[in-house]
Amino acid sequence: SRNGHQVELTKQALSKVKVARDLVDNLV
């Protein structure tokens, strides 16, 4: 927020996000 450090999502986070998204798509 103050010192300009960058942000990067880990592979593990991306994998978890995809799995949850797949469940939402299935519900819809």
PDB file of all heavy atoms in Angstrom:
ATOM      1  N   SER A   1       0.813  -1.223   0.000  1.00  0.00           N
ATOM      2  CA  SER A   1       0.000   0.000   0.000  1.00  0.00           C
ATOM      3  C   SER A   1       0.841   1.266   0.000  1.00  0.00           C
ATOM      4  O   SER A   1       0.424   2.285  -0.558  1.00  0.00           O
ATOM      5  CB  SER A   1      -0.951   0.008   1.206  1.00  0.00           C
ATOM      6  OG  SER A   1      -0.240   0.039   2.425  1.00  0.00           O
ATOM      7  N   ARG A   2       2.037   1.213   0.595  1.00  0.00           N
ATOM      8  CA  ARG A   2       2.830   2.438   0.735  1.00  0.00           C
ATOM      9  C   ARG A   2       4.203   2.388   0.081  1.00  0.00           C
ATOM     10  O   ARG A   2       4.759   3.447  -0.251  1.00  0.00           O
ATOM     11  CB  ARG A   2       3.017   2.757   2.226  1.00  0.00           C
ATOM     12  CG  ARG A   2       1.740   3.148   2.925  1.00  0.00           C
ATOM     13  CD  ARG A   2       1.963   3.391   4.396  1.00  0.00           C
ATOM     14  NE  ARG A   2       0.767   3.940   5.028  1.00  0.00           N
ATOM     15  CZ  ARG A   2       0.628   4.131   6.342  1.00  0.00           C
ATOM     16  NH1 ARG A   2       1.623   3.805   7.155  1.00  0.00           N
ATOM     17  NH2 ARG A   2      -0.474   4.641   6.828  1.00  0.00           N
ATOM     18  N   ASN A   3       4.734   1.204  -0.092  1.00  0.00           N
ATOM     19  CA  ASN A   3       6.119   1.098  -0.567  1.00  0.00           C
ATOM     20  C   ASN A   3       6.252   0.538  -1.974  1.00  0.00           C
ATOM     21  O   ASN A   3       7.359   0.238  -2.415  1.00  0.00           O
ATOM     22  CB  ASN A   3       6.940   0.244   0.418  1.00  0.00           C
ATOM     23  CG  ASN A   3       6.935   0.835   1.826  1.00  0.00           C
ATOM     24  OD1 ASN A   3       6.911   2.058   1.997  1.00  0.00           O
ATOM     25  ND2 ASN A   3       6.943  -0.016   2.831  1.00  0.00           N
ATOM     26  N   GLY A   4       5.134   0.398  -2.665  1.00  0.00           N
ATOM     27  CA  GLY A   4       5.164   0.034  -4.074  1.00  0.00           C
ATOM     28  C   GLY A   4       5.483  -1.405  -4.396  1.00  0.00           C
ATOM     29  O   GLY A   4       5.817  -1.721  -5.547  1.00  0.00           O
ATOM     30  N   HIS A   5       5.411  -2.308  -3.421  1.00  0.00           N
ATOM     31  CA  HIS A   5       5.670  -3.715  -3.720  1.00  0.00           C
ATOM     32  C   HIS A   5       4.585  -4.272  -4.643  1.00  0.00           C
ATOM     33  O   HIS A   5       3.425  -3.900  -4.555  1.00  0.00           O
ATOM     34  CB  HIS A   5       5.728  -4.533  -2.430  1.00  0.00           C
ATOM     35  CG  HIS A   5       6.981  -4.298  -1.642  1.00  0.00           C
ATOM     36  ND1 HIS A   5       7.481  -5.229  -0.755  1.00  0.00           N
ATOM     37  CD2 HIS A   5       7.836  -3.248  -1.589  1.00  0.00           C
ATOM     38  CE1 HIS A   5       8.595  -4.756  -0.194  1.00  0.00           C
ATOM     39  NE2 HIS A   5       8.816  -3.549  -0.685  1.00  0.00           N
ATOM     40  N   GLN A   6       4.989  -5.159  -5.530  1.00  0.00           N
ATOM     41  CA  GLN A   6       4.090  -5.777  -6.484  1.00  0.00           C
ATOM     42  C   GLN A   6       3.409  -7.002  -5.855  1.00  0.00           C
ATOM     43  O   GLN A   6       3.843  -7.518  -4.825  1.00  0.00           O
ATOM     44  CB  GLN A   6       4.858  -6.204  -7.737  1.00  0.00           C
ATOM     45  CG  GLN A   6       5.525  -5.041  -8.478  1.00  0.00           C
ATOM     46  CD  GLN A   6       4.556  -4.255  -9.330  1.00  0.00           C
ATOM     47  OE1 GLN A   6       4.155  -4.705 -10.395  1.00  0.00           O
ATOM     48  NE2 GLN A   6       4.162  -3.085  -8.862  1.00  0.00           N
ATOM     49  N   VAL A   7       2.364  -7.471  -6.528  1.00  0.00           N
ATOM     50  CA  VAL A   7       1.565  -8.590  -6.038  1.00  0.00           C
ATOM     51  C   VAL A   7       1.555  -9.691  -7.095  1.00  0.00           C
ATOM     52  O   VAL A   7       1.422  -9.414  -8.290  1.00  0.00           O
ATOM     53  CB  VAL A   7       0.122  -8.129  -5.740  1.00  0.00           C
ATOM     54  CG1 VAL A   7      -0.766  -9.309  -5.392  1.00  0.00           C
ATOM     55  CG2 VAL A   7       0.117  -7.113  -4.605  1.00  0.00           C
ATOM     56  N   GLU A   8       1.691 -10.932  -6.645  1.00  0.00           N
ATOM     57  CA  GLU A   8       1.635 -12.067  -7.566  1.00  0.00           C
ATOM     58  C   GLU A   8       0.883 -13.213  -6.914  1.00  0.00           C
ATOM     59  O   GLU A   8       1.134 -13.558  -5.751  1.00  0.00           O
ATOM     60  CB  GLU A   8       3.042 -12.516  -7.947  1.00  0.00           C
ATOM     61  CG  GLU A   8       3.081 -13.662  -8.951  1.00  0.00           C
ATOM     62  CD  GLU A   8       4.505 -14.047  -9.337  1.00  0.00           C
ATOM     63  OE1 GLU A   8       5.363 -13.142  -9.453  1.00  0.00           O
ATOM     64  OE2 GLU A   8       4.764 -15.263  -9.480  1.00  0.00           O
ATOM     65  N   LEU A   9      -0.047 -13.808  -7.649  1.00  0.00           N
ATOM     66  CA  LEU A   9      -0.801 -14.951  -7.157  1.00  0.00           C
ATOM     67  C   LEU A   9       0.036 -16.216  -7.291  1.00  0.00           C
ATOM     68  O   LEU A   9       0.697 -16.427  -8.311  1.00  0.00           O
ATOM     69  CB  LEU A   9      -2.093 -15.120  -7.950  1.00  0.00           C
ATOM     70  CG  LEU A   9      -3.089 -13.944  -7.874  1.00  0.00           C
ATOM     71  CD1 LEU A   9      -4.184 -14.129  -8.905  1.00  0.00           C
ATOM     72  CD2 LEU A   9      -3.673 -13.825  -6.477  1.00  0.00           C
ATOM     73  N   THR A  10       0.021 -17.055  -6.280  1.00  0.00           N
ATOM     74  CA  THR A  10       0.759 -18.322  -6.347  1.00  0.00           C
ATOM     75  C   THR A  10      -0.011 -19.328  -7.204  1.00  0.00           C
ATOM     76  O   THR A  10      -1.220 -19.203  -7.426  1.00  0.00           O
ATOM     77  CB  THR A  10       0.966 -18.920  -4.946  1.00  0.00           C
ATOM     78  OG1 THR A  10      -0.314 -19.237  -4.388  1.00  0.00           O
ATOM     79  CG2 THR A  10       1.691 -17.935  -4.030  1.00  0.00           C
ATOM     80  N   LYS A  11       0.692 -20.354  -7.660  1.00  0.00           N
ATOM     81  CA  LYS A  11       0.053 -21.411  -8.443  1.00  0.00           C
ATOM     82  C   LYS A  11      -1.020 -22.119  -7.620  1.00  0.00           C
ATOM     83  O   LYS A  11      -2.080 -22.494  -8.140  1.00  0.00           O
ATOM     84  CB  LYS A  11       1.101 -22.414  -8.914  1.00  0.00           C
ATOM     85  CG  LYS A  11       2.046 -21.865  -9.979  1.00  0.00           C
ATOM     86  CD  LYS A  11       3.051 -22.926 -10.410  1.00  0.00           C
ATOM     87  CE  LYS A  11       3.991 -22.372 -11.479  1.00  0.00           C
ATOM     88  NZ  LYS A  11       5.004 -23.384 -11.898  1.00  0.00           N
ATOM     89  N   GLN A  12      -0.740 -22.284  -6.330  1.00  0.00           N
ATOM     90  CA  GLN A  12      -1.712 -22.956  -5.465  1.00  0.00           C
ATOM     91  C   GLN A  12      -3.007 -22.146  -5.368  1.00  0.00           C
ATOM     92  O   GLN A  12      -4.113 -22.706  -5.394  1.00  0.00           O
ATOM     93  CB  GLN A  12      -1.119 -23.164  -4.068  1.00  0.00           C
ATOM     94  CG  GLN A  12       0.050 -24.130  -4.017  1.00  0.00           C
ATOM     95  CD  GLN A  12       1.401 -23.436  -4.256  1.00  0.00           C
ATOM     96  OE1 GLN A  12       1.457 -22.332  -4.799  1.00  0.00           O
ATOM     97  NE2 GLN A  12       2.472 -24.108  -3.848  1.00  0.00           N
ATOM     98  N   ALA A  13      -2.849 -20.820  -5.270  1.00  0.00           N
ATOM     99  CA  ALA A  13      -4.031 -19.965  -5.199  1.00  0.00           C
ATOM    100  C   ALA A  13      -4.829 -20.035  -6.486  1.00  0.00           C
ATOM    101  O   ALA A  13      -6.066 -20.159  -6.470  1.00  0.00           O
ATOM    102  CB  ALA A  13      -3.607 -18.518  -4.914  1.00  0.00           C
ATOM    103  N   LEU A  14      -4.149 -19.966  -7.618  1.00  0.00           N
ATOM    104  CA  LEU A  14      -4.833 -20.038  -8.910  1.00  0.00           C
ATOM    105  C   LEU A  14      -5.600 -21.359  -9.064  1.00  0.00           C
ATOM    106  O   LEU A  14      -6.721 -21.386  -9.585  1.00  0.00           O
ATOM    107  CB  LEU A  14      -3.824 -19.874 -10.048  1.00  0.00           C
ATOM    108  CG  LEU A  14      -3.188 -18.485 -10.162  1.00  0.00           C
ATOM    109  CD1 LEU A  14      -2.040 -18.503 -11.158  1.00  0.00           C
ATOM    110  CD2 LEU A  14      -4.232 -17.452 -10.572  1.00  0.00           C
ATOM    111  N   SER A  15      -4.985 -22.434  -8.596  1.00  0.00           N
ATOM    112  CA  SER A  15      -5.639 -23.740  -8.679  1.00  0.00           C
ATOM    113  C   SER A  15      -6.906 -23.776  -7.832  1.00  0.00           C
ATOM    114  O   SER A  15      -7.959 -24.269  -8.274  1.00  0.00           O
ATOM    115  CB  SER A  15      -4.659 -24.829  -8.226  1.00  0.00           C
ATOM    116  OG  SER A  15      -5.276 -26.092  -8.218  1.00  0.00           O
ATOM    117  N   LYS A  16      -6.837 -23.242  -6.613  1.00  0.00           N
ATOM    118  CA  LYS A  16      -8.009 -23.234  -5.731  1.00  0.00           C
ATOM    119  C   LYS A  16      -9.130 -22.368  -6.298  1.00  0.00           C
ATOM    120  O   LYS A  16     -10.314 -22.712  -6.204  1.00  0.00           O
ATOM    121  CB  LYS A  16      -7.607 -22.742  -4.334  1.00  0.00           C
ATOM    122  CG  LYS A  16      -6.758 -23.717  -3.544  1.00  0.00           C
ATOM    123  CD  LYS A  16      -6.507 -23.241  -2.134  1.00  0.00           C
ATOM    124  CE  LYS A  16      -5.625 -22.004  -2.092  1.00  0.00           C
ATOM    125  NZ  LYS A  16      -5.307 -21.586  -0.702  1.00  0.00           N
ATOM    126  N   VAL A  17      -8.750 -21.233  -6.874  1.00  0.00           N
ATOM    127  CA  VAL A  17      -9.738 -20.335  -7.465  1.00  0.00           C
ATOM    128  C   VAL A  17     -10.469 -21.032  -8.615  1.00  0.00           C
ATOM    129  O   VAL A  17     -11.694 -20.934  -8.744  1.00  0.00           O
ATOM    130  CB  VAL A  17      -9.060 -19.034  -7.952  1.00  0.00           C
ATOM    131  CG1 VAL A  17     -10.015 -18.217  -8.813  1.00  0.00           C
ATOM    132  CG2 VAL A  17      -8.587 -18.205  -6.758  1.00  0.00           C
ATOM    133  N   LYS A  18      -9.732 -21.760  -9.443  1.00  0.00           N
ATOM    134  CA  LYS A  18     -10.344 -22.448 -10.588  1.00  0.00           C
ATOM    135  C   LYS A  18     -11.320 -23.532 -10.139  1.00  0.00           C
ATOM    136  O   LYS A  18     -12.421 -23.679 -10.701  1.00  0.00           O
ATOM    137  CB  LYS A  18      -9.270 -23.056 -11.478  1.00  0.00           C
ATOM    138  CG  LYS A  18      -9.836 -23.697 -12.750  1.00  0.00           C
ATOM    139  CD  LYS A  18      -8.755 -24.297 -13.620  1.00  0.00           C
ATOM    140  CE  LYS A  18      -9.353 -24.825 -14.918  1.00  0.00           C
ATOM    141  NZ  LYS A  18     -10.446 -25.796 -14.692  1.00  0.00           N
ATOM    142  N   VAL A  19     -10.947 -24.279  -9.125  1.00  0.00           N
ATOM    143  CA  VAL A  19     -11.818 -25.365  -8.646  1.00  0.00           C
ATOM    144  C   VAL A  19     -13.141 -24.790  -8.128  1.00  0.00           C
ATOM    145  O   VAL A  19     -14.226 -25.315  -8.426  1.00  0.00           O
ATOM    146  CB  VAL A  19     -11.105 -26.176  -7.542  1.00  0.00           C
ATOM    147  CG1 VAL A  19     -12.078 -27.140  -6.875  1.00  0.00           C
ATOM    148  CG2 VAL A  19      -9.915 -26.932  -8.116  1.00  0.00           C
ATOM    149  N   ALA A  20     -13.074 -23.702  -7.373  1.00  0.00           N
ATOM    150  CA  ALA A  20     -14.291 -23.079  -6.854  1.00  0.00           C
ATOM    151  C   ALA A  20     -15.138 -22.516  -7.983  1.00  0.00           C
ATOM    152  O   ALA A  20     -16.379 -22.607  -7.962  1.00  0.00           O
ATOM    153  CB  ALA A  20     -13.928 -21.978  -5.863  1.00  0.00           C
ATOM    154  N   ARG A  21     -14.459 -21.945  -8.989  1.00  0.00           N
ATOM    155  CA  ARG A  21     -15.203 -21.391 -10.130  1.00  0.00           C
ATOM    156  C   ARG A  21     -15.952 -22.481 -10.892  1.00  0.00           C
ATOM    157  O   ARG A  21     -17.091 -22.285 -11.327  1.00  0.00           O
ATOM    158  CB  ARG A  21     -14.244 -20.666 -11.069  1.00  0.00           C
ATOM    159  CG  ARG A  21     -14.938 -20.028 -12.268  1.00  0.00           C
ATOM    160  CD  ARG A  21     -15.882 -18.938 -11.826  1.00  0.00           C
ATOM    161  NE  ARG A  21     -17.053 -18.838 -12.681  1.00  0.00           N
ATOM    162  CZ  ARG A  21     -18.064 -18.023 -12.469  1.00  0.00           C
ATOM    163  NH1 ARG A  21     -18.064 -17.233 -11.394  1.00  0.00           N
ATOM    164  NH2 ARG A  21     -19.089 -17.978 -13.290  1.00  0.00           N
ATOM    165  N   ASP A  22     -15.328 -23.616 -11.052  1.00  0.00           N
ATOM    166  CA  ASP A  22     -15.960 -24.725 -11.759  1.00  0.00           C
ATOM    167  C   ASP A  22     -17.259 -25.146 -11.069  1.00  0.00           C
ATOM    168  O   ASP A  22     -18.258 -25.480 -11.736  1.00  0.00           O
ATOM    169  CB  ASP A  22     -15.010 -25.922 -11.855  1.00  0.00           C
ATOM    170  CG  ASP A  22     -13.856 -25.674 -12.816  1.00  0.00           C
ATOM    171  OD1 ASP A  22     -13.959 -24.731 -13.642  1.00  0.00           O
ATOM    172  OD2 ASP A  22     -12.857 -26.413 -12.741  1.00  0.00           O
ATOM    173  N   LEU A  23     -17.261 -25.112  -9.746  1.00  0.00           N
ATOM    174  CA  LEU A  23     -18.475 -25.493  -9.010  1.00  0.00           C
ATOM    175  C   LEU A  23     -19.584 -24.472  -9.250  1.00  0.00           C
ATOM    176  O   LEU A  23     -20.757 -24.835  -9.430  1.00  0.00           O
ATOM    177  CB  LEU A  23     -18.173 -25.616  -7.519  1.00  0.00           C
ATOM    178  CG  LEU A  23     -19.351 -25.991  -6.616  1.00  0.00           C
ATOM    179  CD1 LEU A  23     -20.009 -27.287  -7.077  1.00  0.00           C
ATOM    180  CD2 LEU A  23     -18.896 -26.118  -5.164  1.00  0.00           C
ATOM    181  N   VAL A  24     -19.231 -23.179  -9.265  1.00  0.00           N
ATOM    182  CA  VAL A  24     -20.230 -22.140  -9.539  1.00  0.00           C
ATOM    183  C   VAL A  24     -20.833 -22.333 -10.921  1.00  0.00           C
ATOM    184  O   VAL A  24     -22.059 -22.270 -11.112  1.00  0.00           O
ATOM    185  CB  VAL A  24     -19.598 -20.735  -9.418  1.00  0.00           C
ATOM    186  CG1 VAL A  24     -20.554 -19.658  -9.945  1.00  0.00           C
ATOM    187  CG2 VAL A  24     -19.245 -20.438  -7.972  1.00  0.00           C
ATOM    188  N   ASP A  25     -19.976 -22.565 -11.917  1.00  0.00           N
ATOM    189  CA  ASP A  25     -20.473 -22.768 -13.288  1.00  0.00           C
ATOM    190  C   ASP A  25     -21.430 -23.954 -13.355  1.00  0.00           C
ATOM    191  O   ASP A  25     -22.445 -23.921 -14.069  1.00  0.00           O
ATOM    192  CB  ASP A  25     -19.302 -22.982 -14.247  1.00  0.00           C
ATOM    193  CG  ASP A  25     -18.513 -21.700 -14.504  1.00  0.00           C
ATOM    194  OD1 ASP A  25     -19.083 -20.607 -14.290  1.00  0.00           O
ATOM    195  OD2 ASP A  25     -17.334 -21.794 -14.898  1.00  0.00           O
ATOM    196  N   ASN A  26     -21.131 -24.988 -12.611  1.00  0.00           N
ATOM    197  CA  ASN A  26     -21.992 -26.175 -12.588  1.00  0.00           C
ATOM    198  C   ASN A  26     -23.363 -25.846 -11.986  1.00  0.00           C
ATOM    199  O   ASN A  26     -24.397 -26.298 -12.492  1.00  0.00           O
ATOM    200  CB  ASN A  26     -21.313 -27.288 -11.801  1.00  0.00           C
ATOM    201  CG  ASN A  26     -22.148 -28.555 -11.752  1.00  0.00           C
ATOM    202  OD1 ASN A  26     -22.452 -29.155 -12.781  1.00  0.00           O
ATOM    203  ND2 ASN A  26     -22.538 -28.956 -10.543  1.00  0.00           N
ATOM    204  N   LEU A  27     -23.373 -25.044 -10.919  1.00  0.00           N
ATOM    205  CA  LEU A  27     -24.641 -24.662 -10.292  1.00  0.00           C
ATOM    206  C   LEU A  27     -25.501 -23.853 -11.253  1.00  0.00           C
ATOM    207  O   LEU A  27     -26.719 -24.055 -11.344  1.00  0.00           O
ATOM    208  CB  LEU A  27     -24.373 -23.845  -9.025  1.00  0.00           C
ATOM    209  CG  LEU A  27     -23.775 -24.591  -7.827  1.00  0.00           C
ATOM    210  CD1 LEU A  27     -23.345 -23.605  -6.746  1.00  0.00           C
ATOM    211  CD2 LEU A  27     -24.790 -25.579  -7.257  1.00  0.00           C
ATOM    212  N   VAL A  28     -24.861 -22.937 -11.966  1.00  0.00           N
ATOM    213  CA  VAL A  28     -25.599 -22.088 -12.898  1.00  0.00           C
ATOM    214  C   VAL A  28     -26.112 -22.911 -14.074  1.00  0.00           C
ATOM    215  O   VAL A  28     -27.275 -22.779 -14.485  1.00  0.00           O
ATOM    216  CB  VAL A  28     -24.710 -20.925 -13.386  1.00  0.00           C
ATOM    217  CG1 VAL A  28     -25.429 -20.130 -14.472  1.00  0.00           C
ATOM    218  CG2 VAL A  28     -24.335 -20.013 -12.222  1.00  0.00           C
TER     219      VAL A  28
END
